[in-house]
Structure formats: C-alpha cells, structure tokens
Amino acid sequence: MSRMFVNSLQDGETVDEVYLLADRQLRANRNGDTYFLGQLRDRTGQISGLLWNVNESIVSHINTGDYVRVKGKVQLFQGNLQVILTRIDLATDESVNSEDFIPQSNSDVLVQLERLREILLGLNDSDLSELMQSFLSDDEIVEGLKTAPAGIRLHHAYHGGLLDHIVNLCETASRLTDLYPNVDFNLLLAGIFLHDLGKIRELSYDTSFQYTDEGQLIGHLIIGIEMLDDKIRETEDRTKQDFPKEKALRLKHMIVSHHGAYEFGSPKLPMTPEAIALHHLDNLDAKTNEFQSLIESDPNAASHWTPYQPNMQRKLYKGSAE
C-alpha cells in the first residue's frame, strides 16, 4: 500500500499512517476542555492533527521527534486542511524509512561541495584560501555540510540545506563584484562560508531536526567563532605564518553581526561593508527559500493562499492553479 504523504491528503479522506511528530501542545478550548495539537510531518510537508478531550496522562508518552501512527479524518477548516484524530500512538513496532520524513536537497550534494571548494580555494587572498583549506580538509566539517540543514523549520530545512544556502550566497555575491568595488569579496566569500557553519554542531539532524545541548546553551554564532579560532591556529601551524589579526577580526565580526539586529540575536550590528552585504544576502536567500518552501509544502492544493503564518504575520499567495 502506498504511503499517504502530507501533500496528497484531501478533505474528507480517512488517514491511517505514520508521521513524524514535529511539535506537540496541550491546549484548552473555550469550554476549558483540553485537546492535543500535534504537527505531523513527512518530507512533503506538515499538517496539524487534533485529538479532542484528552489530558496530559493520555499523551505523556508521546514526545516531539517521535514517529507516531495516527488515525483520523482530514477536514477543511477555515481554508486549511487538518486531521481530526481518533488515535495517536507511538510507531514503535513498525519499520520506518527515515527518507520518508526528512526533506532532502534537490541538488547533488557532491556537485555542491565541489563548487564550494572551487570558490573558496580560488580566493585571490592567500591568507583566506589557506584558512579555507583547513576547513575543507576537515572530514567532520565536510560530512556535516553534506547533511546539515540551515534551519529546523524555516529556511533550507532539509538535509544538505546549509550547503545549498552557503553556495547560493557565494554564487549571488560573485555576481555583484562589479557593482560594489569597495567591498572585499574575498573576505565576503569567506564570511559567507563561516556565518552559519556553527549549525553543524548547533543542530542534530539524523532522524529529526532539533537543537543539540550545545546549540541550546551556546548557539551557532559562538560555536562559529570557536571553529574559526581552531582553524586559524591549525592554519598557522601548517603554514608557519601568523594569520593577520585584522582579517580574523573582520571574519569574526561577520559571524556575530550577520543577523543584522540585536532583536534577531546579533550581539553586534554590522559595521563593515562586508558585514552589511552578508546580512542582506543572507536574509534574501533565507526569506525567499522560506516563502517557497511554505508555498510548496501547503497540503491544501485547492487554495490560492497558504494558512496564516504566525511568525510572518501574513498568509502567502500561491497563485491560481491555472
């Protein structure tokens, strides 16, 4: 029997399938009765599942990141599809193919890696190209790039997403060199590579996308600085030359400022041409990918609009099917 992927579900359809529980909450309705709200995910998208009149003891054994078998019926409510559940259980005794649940890159990871090597090892700055060599010779980092997402739920949230994000930014920056002659594009390309590299350790991404303890306690900005310091020392040992202090400061500044604002988690605002360029390039690629992903993963194909996105404070227009 073929799998009932999220993007194939239709109003009125009976569901009996295994999904990844991406989030779980107990909420109260207007009468004060509690109900279970779960986000059911596979590699094609995500849909809400609601189980009425439950308490914590009934669902306490089910946690975010678990594979669950659900039974219920698809319902169209206020223009959005959801599943009204009659049962939700751990899928403990079933064979689960993780490829059904973890989104994958549409790009060839090895081709993307080769393109990244070509860009970074071809930098017209010997200090930076040697530093990039130290990173790209690290098998743990390379393996992380092959599978790490750039985010858990938002932009490039799929295996290889971080690599796609980095290469996209490098390609975009490379097309702008003639327009901004005062920007050091060697430095910018190195900063693009480094800005989110800490996510290799900030996130776990084997069977589900979650934060590691290190990610929760420190975050990818600080992790990225640690990784850069380690590779600068390694590069200095290998080349027998000191790495220029100002270049190191500029690289670190790009890492800590690339979110662009204090309220978005940057401890410093961008203060160099390269840092402000990185921030806006990063935001462009992240937001565009996020919009496209939400549009493509919306299970309600009949609607011209996605459901309301609370983090964006808007719905997204998908256009007509014609």
C-alpha atoms as a PDB file:
ATOM      1  CA  MET A   1       0.000   0.000   0.000  1.00  0.00           C
ATOM      2  CA  SER A   2       1.437   3.381  -0.975  1.00  0.00           C
ATOM      3  CA  ARG A   3       2.231   5.922   1.696  1.00  0.00           C
ATOM      4  CA  MET A   4      -0.206   8.761   2.432  1.00  0.00           C
ATOM      5  CA  PHE A   5       2.146  11.726   2.109  1.00  0.00           C
ATOM      6  CA  VAL A   6       1.022  15.019   3.625  1.00  0.00           C
ATOM      7  CA  ASN A   7       0.899  16.807   0.274  1.00  0.00           C
ATOM      8  CA  SER A   8      -1.535  14.187  -1.089  1.00  0.00           C
ATOM      9  CA  LEU A   9      -4.125  14.422   1.709  1.00  0.00           C
ATOM     10  CA  GLN A  10      -7.585  15.625   0.698  1.00  0.00           C
ATOM     11  CA  ASP A  11     -10.649  16.899   2.520  1.00  0.00           C
ATOM     12  CA  GLY A  12     -12.783  14.044   3.839  1.00  0.00           C
ATOM     13  CA  GLU A  13     -10.081  11.392   3.438  1.00  0.00           C
ATOM     14  CA  THR A  14      -9.569   8.765   6.148  1.00  0.00           C
ATOM     15  CA  VAL A  15      -6.000   8.637   7.451  1.00  0.00           C
ATOM     16  CA  ASP A  16      -4.140   5.669   8.938  1.00  0.00           C
ATOM     17  CA  GLU A  17      -0.459   6.448   8.606  1.00  0.00           C
ATOM     18  CA  VAL A  18       2.874   7.072  10.356  1.00  0.00           C
ATOM     19  CA  TYR A  19       4.229  10.618  10.603  1.00  0.00           C
ATOM     20  CA  LEU A  20       6.989  12.429  12.445  1.00  0.00           C
ATOM     21  CA  LEU A  21       5.650  14.466  15.364  1.00  0.00           C
ATOM     22  CA  ALA A  22       7.339  17.812  14.775  1.00  0.00           C
ATOM     23  CA  ASP A  23       5.618  19.583  17.684  1.00  0.00           C
ATOM     24  CA  ARG A  24       3.055  18.822  20.380  1.00  0.00           C
ATOM     25  CA  GLN A  25       0.905  21.003  22.644  1.00  0.00           C
ATOM     26  CA  LEU A  26      -1.989  20.605  25.019  1.00  0.00           C
ATOM     27  CA  ARG A  27      -4.436  23.467  24.654  1.00  0.00           C
ATOM     28  CA  ALA A  28      -7.736  24.473  26.218  1.00  0.00           C
ATOM     29  CA  ASN A  29     -10.857  25.214  24.189  1.00  0.00           C
ATOM     30  CA  ARG A  30     -13.484  27.820  25.071  1.00  0.00           C
ATOM     31  CA  ASN A  31     -15.168  25.415  27.479  1.00  0.00           C
ATOM     32  CA  GLY A  32     -11.943  24.746  29.328  1.00  0.00           C
ATOM     33  CA  ASP A  33     -11.568  21.218  27.975  1.00  0.00           C
ATOM     34  CA  THR A  34      -8.060  20.275  26.876  1.00  0.00           C
ATOM     35  CA  TYR A  35      -7.150  18.932  23.473  1.00  0.00           C
ATOM     36  CA  PHE A  36      -3.946  17.689  21.848  1.00  0.00           C
ATOM     37  CA  LEU A  37      -2.474  19.651  18.932  1.00  0.00           C
ATOM     38  CA  GLY A  38       0.319  17.918  17.047  1.00  0.00           C
ATOM     39  CA  GLN A  39       2.248  18.908  13.952  1.00  0.00           C
ATOM     40  CA  LEU A  40       2.509  15.848  11.703  1.00  0.00           C
ATOM     41  CA  ARG A  41       5.345  15.950   9.213  1.00  0.00           C
ATOM     42  CA  ASP A  42       6.867  13.955   6.406  1.00  0.00           C
ATOM     43  CA  ARG A  43       9.257  15.002   3.664  1.00  0.00           C
ATOM     44  CA  THR A  44       6.449  16.594   1.624  1.00  0.00           C
ATOM     45  CA  GLY A  45       5.031  18.934   4.246  1.00  0.00           C
ATOM     46  CA  GLN A  46       3.315  19.355   7.585  1.00  0.00           C
ATOM     47  CA  ILE A  47      -0.296  19.255   8.787  1.00  0.00           C
ATOM     48  CA  SER A  48      -1.974  19.818  12.154  1.00  0.00           C
ATOM     49  CA  GLY A  49      -3.529  16.866  13.970  1.00  0.00           C
ATOM     50  CA  LEU A  50      -6.114  17.475  16.723  1.00  0.00           C
ATOM     51  CA  LEU A  51      -7.315  14.977  19.318  1.00  0.00           C
ATOM     52  CA  TRP A  52     -10.225  16.265  21.391  1.00  0.00           C
ATOM     53  CA  ASN A  53     -10.891  15.809  25.111  1.00  0.00           C
ATOM     54  CA  VAL A  54      -7.552  14.468  26.303  1.00  0.00           C
ATOM     55  CA  ASN A  55      -5.323  15.186  29.261  1.00  0.00           C
ATOM     56  CA  GLU A  56      -1.558  15.015  29.656  1.00  0.00           C
ATOM     57  CA  SER A  57      -1.596  11.499  31.118  1.00  0.00           C
ATOM     58  CA  ILE A  58      -3.097  10.100  27.910  1.00  0.00           C
ATOM     59  CA  VAL A  59      -0.390  11.536  25.628  1.00  0.00           C
ATOM     60  CA  SER A  60       2.534  11.904  28.059  1.00  0.00           C
ATOM     61  CA  HIS A  61       4.405   9.029  26.385  1.00  0.00           C
ATOM     62  CA  ILE A  62       4.429  10.850  23.031  1.00  0.00           C
ATOM     63  CA  ASN A  63       7.131  13.468  22.517  1.00  0.00           C
ATOM     64  CA  THR A  64       8.349  15.801  19.818  1.00  0.00           C
ATOM     65  CA  GLY A  65      10.609  13.893  17.428  1.00  0.00           C
ATOM     66  CA  ASP A  66       8.737  10.590  17.820  1.00  0.00           C
ATOM     67  CA  TYR A  67       7.326   8.637  14.924  1.00  0.00           C
ATOM     68  CA  VAL A  68       3.596   8.242  15.547  1.00  0.00           C
ATOM     69  CA  ARG A  69       0.819   6.268  13.914  1.00  0.00           C
ATOM     70  CA  VAL A  70      -2.320   8.347  13.664  1.00  0.00           C
ATOM     71  CA  LYS A  71      -5.867   7.524  12.693  1.00  0.00           C
ATOM     72  CA  GLY A  72      -8.433  10.141  11.813  1.00  0.00           C
ATOM     73  CA  LYS A  73     -10.101  12.137   9.085  1.00  0.00           C
ATOM     74  CA  VAL A  74      -8.916  15.095   7.032  1.00  0.00           C
ATOM     75  CA  GLN A  75     -11.037  18.204   7.468  1.00  0.00           C
ATOM     76  CA  LEU A  76     -11.036  21.571   5.745  1.00  0.00           C
ATOM     77  CA  PHE A  77     -11.353  24.265   8.414  1.00  0.00           C
ATOM     78  CA  GLN A  78     -11.223  27.984   7.589  1.00  0.00           C
ATOM     79  CA  GLY A  79      -9.459  27.209   4.328  1.00  0.00           C
ATOM     80  CA  ASN A  80      -6.799  24.980   5.898  1.00  0.00           C
ATOM     81  CA  LEU A  81      -6.524  21.206   5.978  1.00  0.00           C
ATOM     82  CA  GLN A  82      -6.160  19.469   9.336  1.00  0.00           C
ATOM     83  CA  VAL A  83      -6.596  15.936  10.652  1.00  0.00           C
ATOM     84  CA  ILE A  84      -9.179  15.274  13.348  1.00  0.00           C
ATOM     85  CA  LEU A  85      -7.603  12.358  15.188  1.00  0.00           C
ATOM     86  CA  THR A  86      -9.296   9.388  16.782  1.00  0.00           C
ATOM     87  CA  ARG A  87      -5.990   7.778  17.866  1.00  0.00           C
ATOM     88  CA  ILE A  88      -2.324   8.644  18.130  1.00  0.00           C
ATOM     89  CA  ASP A  89       0.243   6.040  19.220  1.00  0.00           C
ATOM     90  CA  LEU A  90       3.971   5.580  19.134  1.00  0.00           C
ATOM     91  CA  ALA A  91       5.051   3.747  15.993  1.00  0.00           C
ATOM     92  CA  THR A  92       7.405   1.524  17.980  1.00  0.00           C
ATOM     93  CA  ASP A  93       6.766  -1.795  16.276  1.00  0.00           C
ATOM     94  CA  GLU A  94       6.898  -0.605  12.685  1.00  0.00           C
ATOM     95  CA  SER A  95       9.723  -0.314  10.228  1.00  0.00           C
ATOM     96  CA  VAL A  96      10.265   3.371   9.456  1.00  0.00           C
ATOM     97  CA  ASN A  97      12.149   4.657   6.441  1.00  0.00           C
ATOM     98  CA  SER A  98      13.691   7.949   7.573  1.00  0.00           C
ATOM     99  CA  GLU A  99      13.866   9.108   3.956  1.00  0.00           C
ATOM    100  CA  ASP A 100      10.056   9.403   4.029  1.00  0.00           C
ATOM    101  CA  PHE A 101      10.273  12.011   6.774  1.00  0.00           C
ATOM    102  CA  ILE A 102      13.448  14.074   6.343  1.00  0.00           C
ATOM    103  CA  PRO A 103      13.359  16.538   3.438  1.00  0.00           C
ATOM    104  CA  GLN A 104      16.284  16.163   1.044  1.00  0.00           C
ATOM    105  CA  SER A 105      18.061  18.658  -1.160  1.00  0.00           C
ATOM    106  CA  ASN A 106      17.104  18.804  -4.816  1.00  0.00           C
ATOM    107  CA  SER A 107      20.764  19.497  -5.549  1.00  0.00           C
ATOM    108  CA  ASP A 108      23.547  16.948  -5.899  1.00  0.00           C
ATOM    109  CA  VAL A 109      25.481  17.293  -2.646  1.00  0.00           C
ATOM    110  CA  LEU A 110      28.802  16.247  -4.191  1.00  0.00           C
ATOM    111  CA  VAL A 111      28.398  18.753  -7.024  1.00  0.00           C
ATOM    112  CA  GLN A 112      27.622  21.483  -4.488  1.00  0.00           C
ATOM    113  CA  LEU A 113      30.662  20.555  -2.412  1.00  0.00           C
ATOM    114  CA  GLU A 114      32.911  20.664  -5.461  1.00  0.00           C
ATOM    115  CA  ARG A 115      31.548  24.083  -6.407  1.00  0.00           C
ATOM    116  CA  LEU A 116      32.174  25.319  -2.859  1.00  0.00           C
ATOM    117  CA  ARG A 117      35.754  24.071  -2.986  1.00  0.00           C
ATOM    118  CA  GLU A 118      36.264  25.789  -6.341  1.00  0.00           C
ATOM    119  CA  ILE A 119      35.045  29.119  -4.970  1.00  0.00           C
ATOM    120  CA  LEU A 120      36.811  29.080  -1.610  1.00  0.00           C
ATOM    121  CA  LEU A 121      40.137  27.597  -2.674  1.00  0.00           C
ATOM    122  CA  GLY A 122      40.213  30.021  -5.591  1.00  0.00           C
ATOM    123  CA  LEU A 123      40.084  33.127  -3.397  1.00  0.00           C
ATOM    124  CA  ASN A 124      42.567  35.776  -4.514  1.00  0.00           C
ATOM    125  CA  ASP A 125      43.937  36.097  -0.995  1.00  0.00           C
ATOM    126  CA  SER A 126      46.493  33.565   0.192  1.00  0.00           C
ATOM    127  CA  ASP A 127      45.659  34.003   3.892  1.00  0.00           C
ATOM    128  CA  LEU A 128      41.986  33.300   3.315  1.00  0.00           C
ATOM    129  CA  SER A 129      42.489  30.480   0.824  1.00  0.00           C
ATOM    130  CA  GLU A 130      44.841  28.714   3.252  1.00  0.00           C
ATOM    131  CA  LEU A 131      42.280  29.154   6.023  1.00  0.00           C
ATOM    132  CA  MET A 132      39.534  27.744   3.813  1.00  0.00           C
ATOM    133  CA  GLN A 133      41.789  24.777   3.037  1.00  0.00           C
ATOM    134  CA  SER A 134      41.965  23.997   6.748  1.00  0.00           C
ATOM    135  CA  PHE A 135      38.163  23.904   6.962  1.00  0.00           C
ATOM    136  CA  LEU A 136      37.633  21.889   3.789  1.00  0.00           C
ATOM    137  CA  SER A 137      40.268  19.333   4.799  1.00  0.00           C
ATOM    138  CA  ASP A 138      38.334  18.543   7.973  1.00  0.00           C
ATOM    139  CA  ASP A 139      36.294  15.390   7.318  1.00  0.00           C
ATOM    140  CA  GLU A 140      33.898  16.106  10.203  1.00  0.00           C
ATOM    141  CA  ILE A 141      33.039  19.527   8.803  1.00  0.00           C
ATOM    142  CA  VAL A 142      32.647  18.194   5.257  1.00  0.00           C
ATOM    143  CA  GLU A 143      30.376  15.367   6.419  1.00  0.00           C
ATOM    144  CA  GLY A 144      28.332  17.884   8.397  1.00  0.00           C
ATOM    145  CA  LEU A 145      27.915  20.063   5.327  1.00  0.00           C
ATOM    146  CA  LYS A 146      26.556  17.097   3.380  1.00  0.00           C
ATOM    147  CA  THR A 147      23.617  16.611   5.748  1.00  0.00           C
ATOM    148  CA  ALA A 148      23.089  19.667   7.968  1.00  0.00           C
ATOM    149  CA  PRO A 149      20.008  21.826   7.407  1.00  0.00           C
ATOM    150  CA  ALA A 150      20.248  25.606   7.666  1.00  0.00           C
ATOM    151  CA  GLY A 151      17.244  25.647   9.996  1.00  0.00           C
ATOM    152  CA  ILE A 152      14.832  23.373  11.835  1.00  0.00           C
ATOM    153  CA  ARG A 153      11.546  24.596  10.407  1.00  0.00           C
ATOM    154  CA  LEU A 154      12.191  27.739   8.396  1.00  0.00           C
ATOM    155  CA  HIS A 155      14.734  28.270   5.647  1.00  0.00           C
ATOM    156  CA  HIS A 156      16.591  25.406   3.930  1.00  0.00           C
ATOM    157  CA  ALA A 157      15.187  22.945   6.487  1.00  0.00           C
ATOM    158  CA  TYR A 158      16.335  19.770   4.758  1.00  0.00           C
ATOM    159  CA  HIS A 159      19.397  17.553   4.567  1.00  0.00           C
ATOM    160  CA  GLY A 160      22.093  19.485   2.725  1.00  0.00           C
ATOM    161  CA  GLY A 161      20.222  22.750   3.248  1.00  0.00           C
ATOM    162  CA  LEU A 162      23.161  24.500   4.889  1.00  0.00           C
ATOM    163  CA  LEU A 163      25.397  23.652   1.945  1.00  0.00           C
ATOM    164  CA  ASP A 164      22.784  24.874  -0.541  1.00  0.00           C
ATOM    165  CA  HIS A 165      22.408  28.103   1.443  1.00  0.00           C
ATOM    166  CA  ILE A 166      26.167  28.746   1.514  1.00  0.00           C
ATOM    167  CA  VAL A 167      26.658  28.013  -2.179  1.00  0.00           C
ATOM    168  CA  ASN A 168      23.632  30.164  -3.117  1.00  0.00           C
ATOM    169  CA  LEU A 169      25.106  33.102  -1.209  1.00  0.00           C
ATOM    170  CA  CYS A 170      28.532  32.602  -2.783  1.00  0.00           C
ATOM    171  CA  GLU A 171      27.035  32.499  -6.268  1.00  0.00           C
ATOM    172  CA  THR A 172      24.957  35.620  -5.608  1.00  0.00           C
ATOM    173  CA  ALA A 173      27.914  37.522  -4.162  1.00  0.00           C
ATOM    174  CA  SER A 174      30.103  36.546  -7.113  1.00  0.00           C
ATOM    175  CA  ARG A 175      27.632  38.235  -9.465  1.00  0.00           C
ATOM    176  CA  LEU A 176      27.881  41.555  -7.619  1.00  0.00           C
ATOM    177  CA  THR A 177      31.614  42.221  -7.670  1.00  0.00           C
ATOM    178  CA  ASP A 178      31.449  44.907 -10.385  1.00  0.00           C
ATOM    179  CA  LEU A 179      28.657  46.780  -8.626  1.00  0.00           C
ATOM    180  CA  TYR A 180      30.373  47.225  -5.254  1.00  0.00           C
ATOM    181  CA  PRO A 181      34.096  47.853  -5.848  1.00  0.00           C
ATOM    182  CA  ASN A 182      34.669  48.907  -2.227  1.00  0.00           C
ATOM    183  CA  VAL A 183      33.590  45.533  -0.859  1.00  0.00           C
ATOM    184  CA  ASP A 184      36.361  42.981  -0.286  1.00  0.00           C
ATOM    185  CA  PHE A 185      34.721  39.998  -1.976  1.00  0.00           C
ATOM    186  CA  ASN A 186      37.455  37.592  -0.889  1.00  0.00           C
ATOM    187  CA  LEU A 187      36.590  38.465   2.704  1.00  0.00           C
ATOM    188  CA  LEU A 188      32.863  38.382   1.971  1.00  0.00           C
ATOM    189  CA  LEU A 189      33.008  34.901   0.414  1.00  0.00           C
ATOM    190  CA  ALA A 190      34.982  33.583   3.379  1.00  0.00           C
ATOM    191  CA  GLY A 191      32.437  35.182   5.723  1.00  0.00           C
ATOM    192  CA  ILE A 192      29.572  33.611   3.785  1.00  0.00           C
ATOM    193  CA  PHE A 193      31.118  30.195   4.322  1.00  0.00           C
ATOM    194  CA  LEU A 194      31.654  30.833   8.039  1.00  0.00           C
ATOM    195  CA  HIS A 195      28.486  32.700   9.034  1.00  0.00           C
ATOM    196  CA  ASP A 196      26.278  29.641   9.698  1.00  0.00           C
ATOM    197  CA  LEU A 197      28.932  26.938   9.900  1.00  0.00           C
ATOM    198  CA  GLY A 198      28.323  26.546  13.629  1.00  0.00           C
ATOM    199  CA  LYS A 199      24.955  24.994  12.775  1.00  0.00           C
ATOM    200  CA  ILE A 200      26.821  21.763  12.066  1.00  0.00           C
ATOM    201  CA  ARG A 201      27.122  21.493  15.851  1.00  0.00           C
ATOM    202  CA  GLU A 202      24.136  23.616  16.891  1.00  0.00           C
ATOM    203  CA  LEU A 203      21.636  21.232  15.296  1.00  0.00           C
ATOM    204  CA  SER A 204      21.058  17.488  15.304  1.00  0.00           C
ATOM    205  CA  TYR A 205      19.743  16.143  12.029  1.00  0.00           C
ATOM    206  CA  ASP A 206      19.931  12.352  11.891  1.00  0.00           C
ATOM    207  CA  THR A 207      16.221  11.441  12.060  1.00  0.00           C
ATOM    208  CA  SER A 208      14.643  14.758  13.043  1.00  0.00           C
ATOM    209  CA  PHE A 209      15.812  18.359  13.210  1.00  0.00           C
ATOM    210  CA  GLN A 210      16.371  19.574  16.766  1.00  0.00           C
ATOM    211  CA  TYR A 211      18.826  21.654  18.765  1.00  0.00           C
ATOM    212  CA  THR A 212      21.732  19.949  20.469  1.00  0.00           C
ATOM    213  CA  ASP A 213      22.558  20.798  24.072  1.00  0.00           C
ATOM    214  CA  GLU A 214      25.500  22.822  22.760  1.00  0.00           C
ATOM    215  CA  GLY A 215      23.200  24.594  20.346  1.00  0.00           C
ATOM    216  CA  GLN A 216      20.696  25.472  23.049  1.00  0.00           C
ATOM    217  CA  LEU A 217      23.312  26.656  25.531  1.00  0.00           C
ATOM    218  CA  ILE A 218      25.725  28.485  23.201  1.00  0.00           C
ATOM    219  CA  GLY A 219      24.288  28.848  19.687  1.00  0.00           C
ATOM    220  CA  HIS A 220      25.855  28.810  16.239  1.00  0.00           C
ATOM    221  CA  LEU A 221      27.388  32.294  16.438  1.00  0.00           C
ATOM    222  CA  ILE A 222      29.638  31.415  19.377  1.00  0.00           C
ATOM    223  CA  ILE A 223      30.265  27.924  18.016  1.00  0.00           C
ATOM    224  CA  GLY A 224      31.307  29.511  14.704  1.00  0.00           C
ATOM    225  CA  ILE A 225      33.822  31.763  16.475  1.00  0.00           C
ATOM    226  CA  GLU A 226      35.262  28.728  18.269  1.00  0.00           C
ATOM    227  CA  MET A 227      35.580  26.831  14.997  1.00  0.00           C
ATOM    228  CA  LEU A 228      37.274  29.809  13.349  1.00  0.00           C
ATOM    229  CA  ASP A 229      39.775  30.183  16.197  1.00  0.00           C
ATOM    230  CA  ASP A 230      40.619  26.476  15.975  1.00  0.00           C
ATOM    231  CA  LYS A 231      41.206  26.630  12.221  1.00  0.00           C
ATOM    232  CA  ILE A 232      43.270  29.824  12.436  1.00  0.00           C
ATOM    233  CA  ARG A 233      45.615  28.061  14.882  1.00  0.00           C
ATOM    234  CA  GLU A 234      45.702  24.996  12.625  1.00  0.00           C
ATOM    235  CA  THR A 235      46.466  27.167   9.571  1.00  0.00           C
ATOM    236  CA  GLU A 236      49.254  28.996  11.409  1.00  0.00           C
ATOM    237  CA  ASP A 237      50.810  25.666  12.457  1.00  0.00           C
ATOM    238  CA  ARG A 238      50.635  24.368   8.900  1.00  0.00           C
ATOM    239  CA  THR A 239      51.895  27.486   7.088  1.00  0.00           C
ATOM    240  CA  LYS A 240      54.314  28.616   9.824  1.00  0.00           C
ATOM    241  CA  GLN A 241      52.889  32.124   9.409  1.00  0.00           C
ATOM    242  CA  ASP A 242      50.715  34.291  11.621  1.00  0.00           C
ATOM    243  CA  PHE A 243      47.201  34.883  10.377  1.00  0.00           C
ATOM    244  CA  PRO A 244      46.557  38.649  10.076  1.00  0.00           C
ATOM    245  CA  LYS A 245      44.753  39.870  13.201  1.00  0.00           C
ATOM    246  CA  GLU A 246      42.556  42.360  11.353  1.00  0.00           C
ATOM    247  CA  LYS A 247      41.322  39.734   8.903  1.00  0.00           C
ATOM    248  CA  ALA A 248      40.475  37.477  11.817  1.00  0.00           C
ATOM    249  CA  LEU A 249      38.541  40.317  13.487  1.00  0.00           C
ATOM    250  CA  ARG A 250      36.653  41.107  10.303  1.00  0.00           C
ATOM    251  CA  LEU A 251      35.701  37.456   9.848  1.00  0.00           C
ATOM    252  CA  LYS A 252      34.535  37.179  13.449  1.00  0.00           C
ATOM    253  CA  HIS A 253      32.567  40.395  13.100  1.00  0.00           C
ATOM    254  CA  MET A 254      30.706  38.991  10.095  1.00  0.00           C
ATOM    255  CA  ILE A 255      29.774  35.885  12.083  1.00  0.00           C
ATOM    256  CA  VAL A 256      28.444  37.747  15.131  1.00  0.00           C
ATOM    257  CA  SER A 257      26.656  40.509  13.191  1.00  0.00           C
ATOM    258  CA  HIS A 258      25.064  38.644  10.295  1.00  0.00           C
ATOM    259  CA  HIS A 259      21.580  38.516  11.862  1.00  0.00           C
ATOM    260  CA  GLY A 260      21.641  42.272  11.459  1.00  0.00           C
ATOM    261  CA  ALA A 261      19.850  43.430  14.613  1.00  0.00           C
ATOM    262  CA  TYR A 262      20.023  42.903  18.360  1.00  0.00           C
ATOM    263  CA  GLU A 263      16.446  41.592  18.491  1.00  0.00           C
ATOM    264  CA  PHE A 264      17.349  38.884  15.974  1.00  0.00           C
ATOM    265  CA  GLY A 265      20.231  37.583  18.068  1.00  0.00           C
ATOM    266  CA  SER A 266      23.248  39.513  16.805  1.00  0.00           C
ATOM    267  CA  PRO A 267      25.406  40.784  19.681  1.00  0.00           C
ATOM    268  CA  LYS A 268      26.842  43.366  17.278  1.00  0.00           C
ATOM    269  CA  LEU A 269      25.353  45.327  14.407  1.00  0.00           C
ATOM    270  CA  PRO A 270      27.098  45.119  11.005  1.00  0.00           C
ATOM    271  CA  MET A 271      29.873  47.709  10.954  1.00  0.00           C
ATOM    272  CA  THR A 272      31.835  46.904   7.792  1.00  0.00           C
ATOM    273  CA  PRO A 273      30.807  46.856   4.117  1.00  0.00           C
ATOM    274  CA  GLU A 274      31.324  43.093   4.016  1.00  0.00           C
ATOM    275  CA  ALA A 275      29.222  42.541   7.150  1.00  0.00           C
ATOM    276  CA  ILE A 276      26.238  44.533   5.899  1.00  0.00           C
ATOM    277  CA  ALA A 277      26.459  42.839   2.495  1.00  0.00           C
ATOM    278  CA  LEU A 278      26.484  39.426   4.188  1.00  0.00           C
ATOM    279  CA  HIS A 279      23.463  40.306   6.310  1.00  0.00           C
ATOM    280  CA  HIS A 280      21.308  41.355   3.366  1.00  0.00           C
ATOM    281  CA  LEU A 281      22.425  38.489   1.119  1.00  0.00           C
ATOM    282  CA  ASP A 282      21.725  36.026   3.932  1.00  0.00           C
ATOM    283  CA  ASN A 283      18.284  37.497   4.572  1.00  0.00           C
ATOM    284  CA  LEU A 284      17.406  37.484   0.865  1.00  0.00           C
ATOM    285  CA  ASP A 285      18.254  33.811   0.402  1.00  0.00           C
ATOM    286  CA  ALA A 286      16.705  32.695   3.704  1.00  0.00           C
ATOM    287  CA  LYS A 287      13.405  34.528   3.278  1.00  0.00           C
ATOM    288  CA  THR A 288      12.975  33.636  -0.383  1.00  0.00           C
ATOM    289  CA  ASN A 289      13.586  29.960   0.394  1.00  0.00           C
ATOM    290  CA  GLU A 290      11.219  30.107   3.361  1.00  0.00           C
ATOM    291  CA  PHE A 291       8.414  31.571   1.237  1.00  0.00           C
ATOM    292  CA  GLN A 292       8.922  28.981  -1.495  1.00  0.00           C
ATOM    293  CA  SER A 293       9.032  26.092   0.975  1.00  0.00           C
ATOM    294  CA  LEU A 294       5.806  27.155   2.671  1.00  0.00           C
ATOM    295  CA  ILE A 295       4.053  27.515  -0.676  1.00  0.00           C
ATOM    296  CA  GLU A 296       5.254  24.132  -1.962  1.00  0.00           C
ATOM    297  CA  SER A 297       4.506  22.225   1.254  1.00  0.00           C
ATOM    298  CA  ASP A 298       0.976  23.532   1.805  1.00  0.00           C
ATOM    299  CA  PRO A 299      -1.258  20.414   1.612  1.00  0.00           C
ATOM    300  CA  ASN A 300      -4.340  22.376   0.532  1.00  0.00           C
ATOM    301  CA  ALA A 301      -3.706  22.475  -3.217  1.00  0.00           C
ATOM    302  CA  ALA A 302      -7.133  23.957  -3.912  1.00  0.00           C
ATOM    303  CA  SER A 303      -6.409  27.166  -2.027  1.00  0.00           C
ATOM    304  CA  HIS A 304      -4.694  30.175  -3.610  1.00  0.00           C
ATOM    305  CA  TRP A 305      -3.252  31.024  -0.185  1.00  0.00           C
ATOM    306  CA  THR A 306      -1.216  29.252   2.477  1.00  0.00           C
ATOM    307  CA  PRO A 307      -2.509  29.140   6.047  1.00  0.00           C
ATOM    308  CA  TYR A 308      -1.729  32.187   8.187  1.00  0.00           C
ATOM    309  CA  GLN A 309       1.938  32.130   9.193  1.00  0.00           C
ATOM    310  CA  PRO A 310       2.192  33.500  12.764  1.00  0.00           C
ATOM    311  CA  ASN A 311       5.933  34.144  12.596  1.00  0.00           C
ATOM    312  CA  MET A 312       5.430  36.222   9.430  1.00  0.00           C
ATOM    313  CA  GLN A 313       2.078  37.736  10.436  1.00  0.00           C
ATOM    314  CA  ARG A 314       0.639  37.006   6.997  1.00  0.00           C
ATOM    315  CA  LYS A 315      -0.636  34.407   4.571  1.00  0.00           C
ATOM    316  CA  LEU A 316       1.373  33.751   1.399  1.00  0.00           C
ATOM    317  CA  TYR A 317      -0.195  33.950  -2.049  1.00  0.00           C
ATOM    318  CA  LYS A 318       0.336  30.786  -4.067  1.00  0.00           C
ATOM    319  CA  GLY A 319      -1.446  31.935  -7.204  1.00  0.00           C
ATOM    320  CA  SER A 320      -4.098  30.124  -9.171  1.00  0.00           C
ATOM    321  CA  ALA A 321      -3.605  26.576 -10.406  1.00  0.00           C
ATOM    322  CA  GLU A 322      -4.356  27.597 -13.990  1.00  0.00           C
END
